[in-house]
Amino acid sequence: MAEEYKDNPIWHILVETAQKLPLYHAHLNYTKDVILPEDKKITPEELSQRLDISLGEAIVILSEINGD
């Protein structure tokens, strides 16, 4: 999923920005502990809507969890 974004020169800026958000770690943990056990194939778009977060943050969260 993040593979298509990682080659973009601003990928690292997106990651850094997302990780500085006050609720980033709460969203990351909630995704790992609650959402993924229910839906292992959730897309960044679905995660973004479900948590009411930006698409960029959702992409970074799923990338981090998947070890991308």
PDB file of N, CA and C in Angstrom:
ATOM      1  N   MET A   1       0.819  -1.187   0.000  1.00  0.00           N
ATOM      2  CA  MET A   1       0.000   0.000   0.000  1.00  0.00           C
ATOM      3  C   MET A   1       0.860   1.245   0.000  1.00  0.00           C
ATOM      4  N   ALA A   2       1.806   1.358   0.894  1.00  0.00           N
ATOM      5  CA  ALA A   2       2.641   2.550   0.963  1.00  0.00           C
ATOM      6  C   ALA A   2       3.740   2.524  -0.083  1.00  0.00           C
ATOM      7  N   GLU A   3       3.927   1.374  -0.734  1.00  0.00           N
ATOM      8  CA  GLU A   3       4.995   1.262  -1.719  1.00  0.00           C
ATOM      9  C   GLU A   3       4.876   2.345  -2.784  1.00  0.00           C
ATOM     10  N   GLU A   4       3.654   2.621  -3.196  1.00  0.00           N
ATOM     11  CA  GLU A   4       3.452   3.613  -4.248  1.00  0.00           C
ATOM     12  C   GLU A   4       3.792   5.027  -3.790  1.00  0.00           C
ATOM     13  N   TYR A   5       3.816   5.252  -2.491  1.00  0.00           N
ATOM     14  CA  TYR A   5       4.113   6.580  -1.956  1.00  0.00           C
ATOM     15  C   TYR A   5       5.569   6.729  -1.524  1.00  0.00           C
ATOM     16  N   LYS A   6       6.201   5.641  -1.174  1.00  0.00           N
ATOM     17  CA  LYS A   6       7.543   5.703  -0.607  1.00  0.00           C
ATOM     18  C   LYS A   6       8.591   6.269  -1.548  1.00  0.00           C
ATOM     19  N   ASP A   7       8.368   6.160  -2.836  1.00  0.00           N
ATOM     20  CA  ASP A   7       9.322   6.716  -3.791  1.00  0.00           C
ATOM     21  C   ASP A   7       9.152   8.216  -3.980  1.00  0.00           C
ATOM     22  N   ASN A   8       8.067   8.739  -3.466  1.00  0.00           N
ATOM     23  CA  ASN A   8       7.823  10.171  -3.567  1.00  0.00           C
ATOM     24  C   ASN A   8       8.785  10.904  -2.636  1.00  0.00           C
ATOM     25  N   PRO A   9       9.395  11.977  -3.096  1.00  0.00           N
ATOM     26  CA  PRO A   9      10.369  12.677  -2.262  1.00  0.00           C
ATOM     27  C   PRO A   9       9.792  13.270  -0.971  1.00  0.00           C
ATOM     28  N   ILE A  10       8.484  13.429  -0.910  1.00  0.00           N
ATOM     29  CA  ILE A  10       7.926  13.999   0.328  1.00  0.00           C
ATOM     30  C   ILE A  10       7.357  12.936   1.281  1.00  0.00           C
ATOM     31  N   TRP A  11       7.597  11.652   0.996  1.00  0.00           N
ATOM     32  CA  TRP A  11       7.120  10.577   1.862  1.00  0.00           C
ATOM     33  C   TRP A  11       7.588  10.778   3.304  1.00  0.00           C
ATOM     34  N   HIS A  12       8.865  11.085   3.486  1.00  0.00           N
ATOM     35  CA  HIS A  12       9.416  11.240   4.838  1.00  0.00           C
ATOM     36  C   HIS A  12       8.791  12.430   5.567  1.00  0.00           C
ATOM     37  N   ILE A  13       8.417  13.439   4.813  1.00  0.00           N
ATOM     38  CA  ILE A  13       7.743  14.591   5.427  1.00  0.00           C
ATOM     39  C   ILE A  13       6.357  14.183   5.900  1.00  0.00           C
ATOM     40  N   LEU A  14       5.642  13.389   5.098  1.00  0.00           N
ATOM     41  CA  LEU A  14       4.318  12.902   5.498  1.00  0.00           C
ATOM     42  C   LEU A  14       4.422  12.058   6.760  1.00  0.00           C
ATOM     43  N   VAL A  15       5.385  11.153   6.806  1.00  0.00           N
ATOM     44  CA  VAL A  15       5.563  10.288   7.982  1.00  0.00           C
ATOM     45  C   VAL A  15       5.859  11.134   9.217  1.00  0.00           C
ATOM     46  N   GLU A  16       6.791  12.052   9.092  1.00  0.00           N
ATOM     47  CA  GLU A  16       7.156  12.892  10.234  1.00  0.00           C
ATOM     48  C   GLU A  16       5.969  13.730  10.709  1.00  0.00           C
ATOM     49  N   THR A  17       5.230  14.280   9.774  1.00  0.00           N
ATOM     50  CA  THR A  17       4.069  15.107  10.130  1.00  0.00           C
ATOM     51  C   THR A  17       3.002  14.276  10.824  1.00  0.00           C
ATOM     52  N   ALA A  18       2.691  13.108  10.283  1.00  0.00           N
ATOM     53  CA  ALA A  18       1.671  12.242  10.884  1.00  0.00           C
ATOM     54  C   ALA A  18       2.078  11.823  12.295  1.00  0.00           C
ATOM     55  N   GLN A  19       3.335  11.450  12.461  1.00  0.00           N
ATOM     56  CA  GLN A  19       3.796  10.969  13.764  1.00  0.00           C
ATOM     57  C   GLN A  19       3.849  12.071  14.816  1.00  0.00           C
ATOM     58  N   LYS A  20       3.836  13.315  14.416  1.00  0.00           N
ATOM     59  CA  LYS A  20       3.832  14.439  15.365  1.00  0.00           C
ATOM     60  C   LYS A  20       2.422  14.828  15.806  1.00  0.00           C
ATOM     61  N   LEU A  21       1.410  14.262  15.163  1.00  0.00           N
ATOM     62  CA  LEU A  21       0.038  14.588  15.558  1.00  0.00           C
ATOM     63  C   LEU A  21      -0.224  14.091  16.975  1.00  0.00           C
ATOM     64  N   PRO A  22      -0.921  14.876  17.779  1.00  0.00           N
ATOM     65  CA  PRO A  22      -1.128  14.509  19.188  1.00  0.00           C
ATOM     66  C   PRO A  22      -1.772  13.142  19.408  1.00  0.00           C
ATOM     67  N   LEU A  23      -2.674  12.728  18.539  1.00  0.00           N
ATOM     68  CA  LEU A  23      -3.374  11.460  18.736  1.00  0.00           C
ATOM     69  C   LEU A  23      -2.826  10.329  17.875  1.00  0.00           C
ATOM     70  N   TYR A  24      -1.697  10.551  17.211  1.00  0.00           N
ATOM     71  CA  TYR A  24      -1.153   9.537  16.307  1.00  0.00           C
ATOM     72  C   TYR A  24      -0.959   8.201  17.019  1.00  0.00           C
ATOM     73  N   HIS A  25      -0.314   8.193  18.161  1.00  0.00           N
ATOM     74  CA  HIS A  25      -0.027   6.927  18.844  1.00  0.00           C
ATOM     75  C   HIS A  25      -1.300   6.264  19.361  1.00  0.00           C
ATOM     76  N   ALA A  26      -2.279   7.058  19.752  1.00  0.00           N
ATOM     77  CA  ALA A  26      -3.567   6.497  20.164  1.00  0.00           C
ATOM     78  C   ALA A  26      -4.261   5.852  18.957  1.00  0.00           C
ATOM     79  N   HIS A  27      -4.223   6.524  17.816  1.00  0.00           N
ATOM     80  CA  HIS A  27      -4.824   5.963  16.603  1.00  0.00           C
ATOM     81  C   HIS A  27      -4.078   4.705  16.163  1.00  0.00           C
ATOM     82  N   LEU A  28      -2.771   4.725  16.259  1.00  0.00           N
ATOM     83  CA  LEU A  28      -1.955   3.564  15.895  1.00  0.00           C
ATOM     84  C   LEU A  28      -2.310   2.365  16.773  1.00  0.00           C
ATOM     85  N   ASN A  29      -2.347   2.576  18.071  1.00  0.00           N
ATOM     86  CA  ASN A  29      -2.652   1.480  18.993  1.00  0.00           C
ATOM     87  C   ASN A  29      -4.081   0.978  18.832  1.00  0.00           C
ATOM     88  N   TYR A  30      -5.020   1.879  18.648  1.00  0.00           N
ATOM     89  CA  TYR A  30      -6.418   1.471  18.452  1.00  0.00           C
ATOM     90  C   TYR A  30      -6.554   0.648  17.172  1.00  0.00           C
ATOM     91  N   THR A  31      -5.853   1.070  16.139  1.00  0.00           N
ATOM     92  CA  THR A  31      -5.888   0.320  14.882  1.00  0.00           C
ATOM     93  C   THR A  31      -5.335  -1.081  15.079  1.00  0.00           C
ATOM     94  N   LYS A  32      -4.196  -1.186  15.767  1.00  0.00           N
ATOM     95  CA  LYS A  32      -3.580  -2.502  16.010  1.00  0.00           C
ATOM     96  C   LYS A  32      -4.443  -3.392  16.877  1.00  0.00           C
ATOM     97  N   ASP A  33      -4.991  -2.815  17.946  1.00  0.00           N
ATOM     98  CA  ASP A  33      -5.679  -3.616  18.963  1.00  0.00           C
ATOM     99  C   ASP A  33      -7.146  -3.894  18.670  1.00  0.00           C
ATOM    100  N   VAL A  34      -7.808  -2.989  17.968  1.00  0.00           N
ATOM    101  CA  VAL A  34      -9.250  -3.115  17.784  1.00  0.00           C
ATOM    102  C   VAL A  34      -9.645  -3.309  16.316  1.00  0.00           C
ATOM    103  N   ILE A  35      -9.157  -2.446  15.459  1.00  0.00           N
ATOM    104  CA  ILE A  35      -9.632  -2.457  14.078  1.00  0.00           C
ATOM    105  C   ILE A  35      -9.070  -3.630  13.281  1.00  0.00           C
ATOM    106  N   LEU A  36      -7.771  -3.851  13.334  1.00  0.00           N
ATOM    107  CA  LEU A  36      -7.185  -4.918  12.519  1.00  0.00           C
ATOM    108  C   LEU A  36      -7.641  -6.318  12.915  1.00  0.00           C
ATOM    109  N   PRO A  37      -7.854  -6.615  14.189  1.00  0.00           N
ATOM    110  CA  PRO A  37      -8.404  -7.939  14.498  1.00  0.00           C
ATOM    111  C   PRO A  37      -9.792  -8.166  13.878  1.00  0.00           C
ATOM    112  N   GLU A  38     -10.546  -7.098  13.682  1.00  0.00           N
ATOM    113  CA  GLU A  38     -11.872  -7.194  13.071  1.00  0.00           C
ATOM    114  C   GLU A  38     -11.801  -7.222  11.548  1.00  0.00           C
ATOM    115  N   ASP A  39     -10.854  -6.468  10.980  1.00  0.00           N
ATOM    116  CA  ASP A  39     -10.785  -6.290   9.525  1.00  0.00           C
ATOM    117  C   ASP A  39      -9.327  -6.158   9.092  1.00  0.00           C
ATOM    118  N   LYS A  40      -8.698  -7.281   8.819  1.00  0.00           N
ATOM    119  CA  LYS A  40      -7.271  -7.288   8.476  1.00  0.00           C
ATOM    120  C   LYS A  40      -6.969  -6.644   7.130  1.00  0.00           C
ATOM    121  N   LYS A  41      -7.968  -6.499   6.278  1.00  0.00           N
ATOM    122  CA  LYS A  41      -7.756  -5.948   4.941  1.00  0.00           C
ATOM    123  C   LYS A  41      -8.295  -4.530   4.801  1.00  0.00           C
ATOM    124  N   ILE A  42      -8.368  -3.798   5.902  1.00  0.00           N
ATOM    125  CA  ILE A  42      -8.887  -2.432   5.845  1.00  0.00           C
ATOM    126  C   ILE A  42      -7.971  -1.574   4.985  1.00  0.00           C
ATOM    127  N   THR A  43      -8.564  -0.732   4.183  1.00  0.00           N
ATOM    128  CA  THR A  43      -7.799   0.155   3.314  1.00  0.00           C
ATOM    129  C   THR A  43      -7.530   1.475   4.050  1.00  0.00           C
ATOM    130  N   PRO A  44      -6.549   2.232   3.576  1.00  0.00           N
ATOM    131  CA  PRO A  44      -6.318   3.544   4.193  1.00  0.00           C
ATOM    132  C   PRO A  44      -7.550   4.445   4.129  1.00  0.00           C
ATOM    133  N   GLU A  45      -8.286   4.365   3.028  1.00  0.00           N
ATOM    134  CA  GLU A  45      -9.501   5.178   2.897  1.00  0.00           C
ATOM    135  C   GLU A  45     -10.538   4.795   3.949  1.00  0.00           C
ATOM    136  N   GLU A  46     -10.718   3.498   4.161  1.00  0.00           N
ATOM    137  CA  GLU A  46     -11.678   3.031   5.168  1.00  0.00           C
ATOM    138  C   GLU A  46     -11.223   3.412   6.572  1.00  0.00           C
ATOM    139  N   LEU A  47      -9.939   3.269   6.852  1.00  0.00           N
ATOM    140  CA  LEU A  47      -9.414   3.630   8.170  1.00  0.00           C
ATOM    141  C   LEU A  47      -9.573   5.122   8.413  1.00  0.00           C
ATOM    142  N   SER A  48      -9.301   5.903   7.399  1.00  0.00           N
ATOM    143  CA  SER A  48      -9.456   7.353   7.497  1.00  0.00           C
ATOM    144  C   SER A  48     -10.890   7.729   7.868  1.00  0.00           C
ATOM    145  N   GLN A  49     -11.843   7.103   7.220  1.00  0.00           N
ATOM    146  CA  GLN A  49     -13.250   7.393   7.512  1.00  0.00           C
ATOM    147  C   GLN A  49     -13.653   6.877   8.882  1.00  0.00           C
ATOM    148  N   ARG A  50     -13.204   5.689   9.209  1.00  0.00           N
ATOM    149  CA  ARG A  50     -13.605   5.082  10.487  1.00  0.00           C
ATOM    150  C   ARG A  50     -13.089   5.868  11.687  1.00  0.00           C
ATOM    151  N   LEU A  51     -11.842   6.365  11.604  1.00  0.00           N
ATOM    152  CA  LEU A  51     -11.264   7.111  12.726  1.00  0.00           C
ATOM    153  C   LEU A  51     -11.420   8.619  12.588  1.00  0.00           C
ATOM    154  N   ASP A  52     -11.977   9.059  11.460  1.00  0.00           N
ATOM    155  CA  ASP A  52     -12.096  10.490  11.170  1.00  0.00           C
ATOM    156  C   ASP A  52     -10.725  11.168  11.246  1.00  0.00           C
ATOM    157  N   ILE A  53      -9.774  10.582  10.510  1.00  0.00           N
ATOM    158  CA  ILE A  53      -8.417  11.123  10.436  1.00  0.00           C
ATOM    159  C   ILE A  53      -8.092  11.377   8.963  1.00  0.00           C
ATOM    160  N   SER A  54      -6.986  12.059   8.741  1.00  0.00           N
ATOM    161  CA  SER A  54      -6.589  12.328   7.355  1.00  0.00           C
ATOM    162  C   SER A  54      -6.163  11.032   6.670  1.00  0.00           C
ATOM    163  N   LEU A  55      -6.272  11.025   5.362  1.00  0.00           N
ATOM    164  CA  LEU A  55      -5.836   9.876   4.582  1.00  0.00           C
ATOM    165  C   LEU A  55      -4.330   9.668   4.760  1.00  0.00           C
ATOM    166  N   GLY A  56      -3.576  10.752   4.837  1.00  0.00           N
ATOM    167  CA  GLY A  56      -2.137  10.639   5.043  1.00  0.00           C
ATOM    168  C   GLY A  56      -1.787   9.928   6.334  1.00  0.00           C
ATOM    169  N   GLU A  57      -2.469  10.284   7.420  1.00  0.00           N
ATOM    170  CA  GLU A  57      -2.219   9.622   8.702  1.00  0.00           C
ATOM    171  C   GLU A  57      -2.582   8.144   8.614  1.00  0.00           C
ATOM    172  N   ALA A  58      -3.682   7.835   7.956  1.00  0.00           N
ATOM    173  CA  ALA A  58      -4.098   6.437   7.814  1.00  0.00           C
ATOM    174  C   ALA A  58      -3.071   5.630   7.027  1.00  0.00           C
ATOM    175  N   ILE A  59      -2.532   6.209   5.974  1.00  0.00           N
ATOM    176  CA  ILE A  59      -1.510   5.530   5.180  1.00  0.00           C
ATOM    177  C   ILE A  59      -0.272   5.268   6.024  1.00  0.00           C
ATOM    178  N   VAL A  60       0.149   6.245   6.787  1.00  0.00           N
ATOM    179  CA  VAL A  60       1.335   6.095   7.633  1.00  0.00           C
ATOM    180  C   VAL A  60       1.094   5.042   8.714  1.00  0.00           C
ATOM    181  N   ILE A  61      -0.071   5.045   9.341  1.00  0.00           N
ATOM    182  CA  ILE A  61      -0.398   4.065  10.374  1.00  0.00           C
ATOM    183  C   ILE A  61      -0.337   2.652   9.813  1.00  0.00           C
ATOM    184  N   LEU A  62      -0.998   2.417   8.697  1.00  0.00           N
ATOM    185  CA  LEU A  62      -0.995   1.070   8.126  1.00  0.00           C
ATOM    186  C   LEU A  62       0.395   0.667   7.631  1.00  0.00           C
ATOM    187  N   SER A  63       1.142   1.622   7.134  1.00  0.00           N
ATOM    188  CA  SER A  63       2.505   1.344   6.699  1.00  0.00           C
ATOM    189  C   SER A  63       3.364   0.931   7.885  1.00  0.00           C
ATOM    190  N   GLU A  64       3.243   1.640   8.987  1.00  0.00           N
ATOM    191  CA  GLU A  64       4.033   1.318  10.180  1.00  0.00           C
ATOM    192  C   GLU A  64       3.646  -0.059  10.732  1.00  0.00           C
ATOM    193  N   ILE A  65       2.365  -0.334  10.797  1.00  0.00           N
ATOM    194  CA  ILE A  65       1.911  -1.625  11.326  1.00  0.00           C
ATOM    195  C   ILE A  65       2.384  -2.774  10.426  1.00  0.00           C
ATOM    196  N   ASN A  66       2.339  -2.564   9.128  1.00  0.00           N
ATOM    197  CA  ASN A  66       2.734  -3.614   8.188  1.00  0.00           C
ATOM    198  C   ASN A  66       4.235  -3.701   7.973  1.00  0.00           C
ATOM    199  N   GLY A  67       4.974  -2.798   8.610  1.00  0.00           N
ATOM    200  CA  GLY A  67       6.425  -2.817   8.488  1.00  0.00           C
ATOM    201  C   GLY A  67       6.925  -2.365   7.132  1.00  0.00           C
ATOM    202  N   ASP A  68       6.113  -1.578   6.439  1.00  0.00           N
ATOM    203  CA  ASP A  68       6.511  -1.078   5.112  1.00  0.00           C
ATOM    204  C   ASP A  68       7.551   0.019   5.235  1.00  0.00           C
TER     205      ASP A  68
END
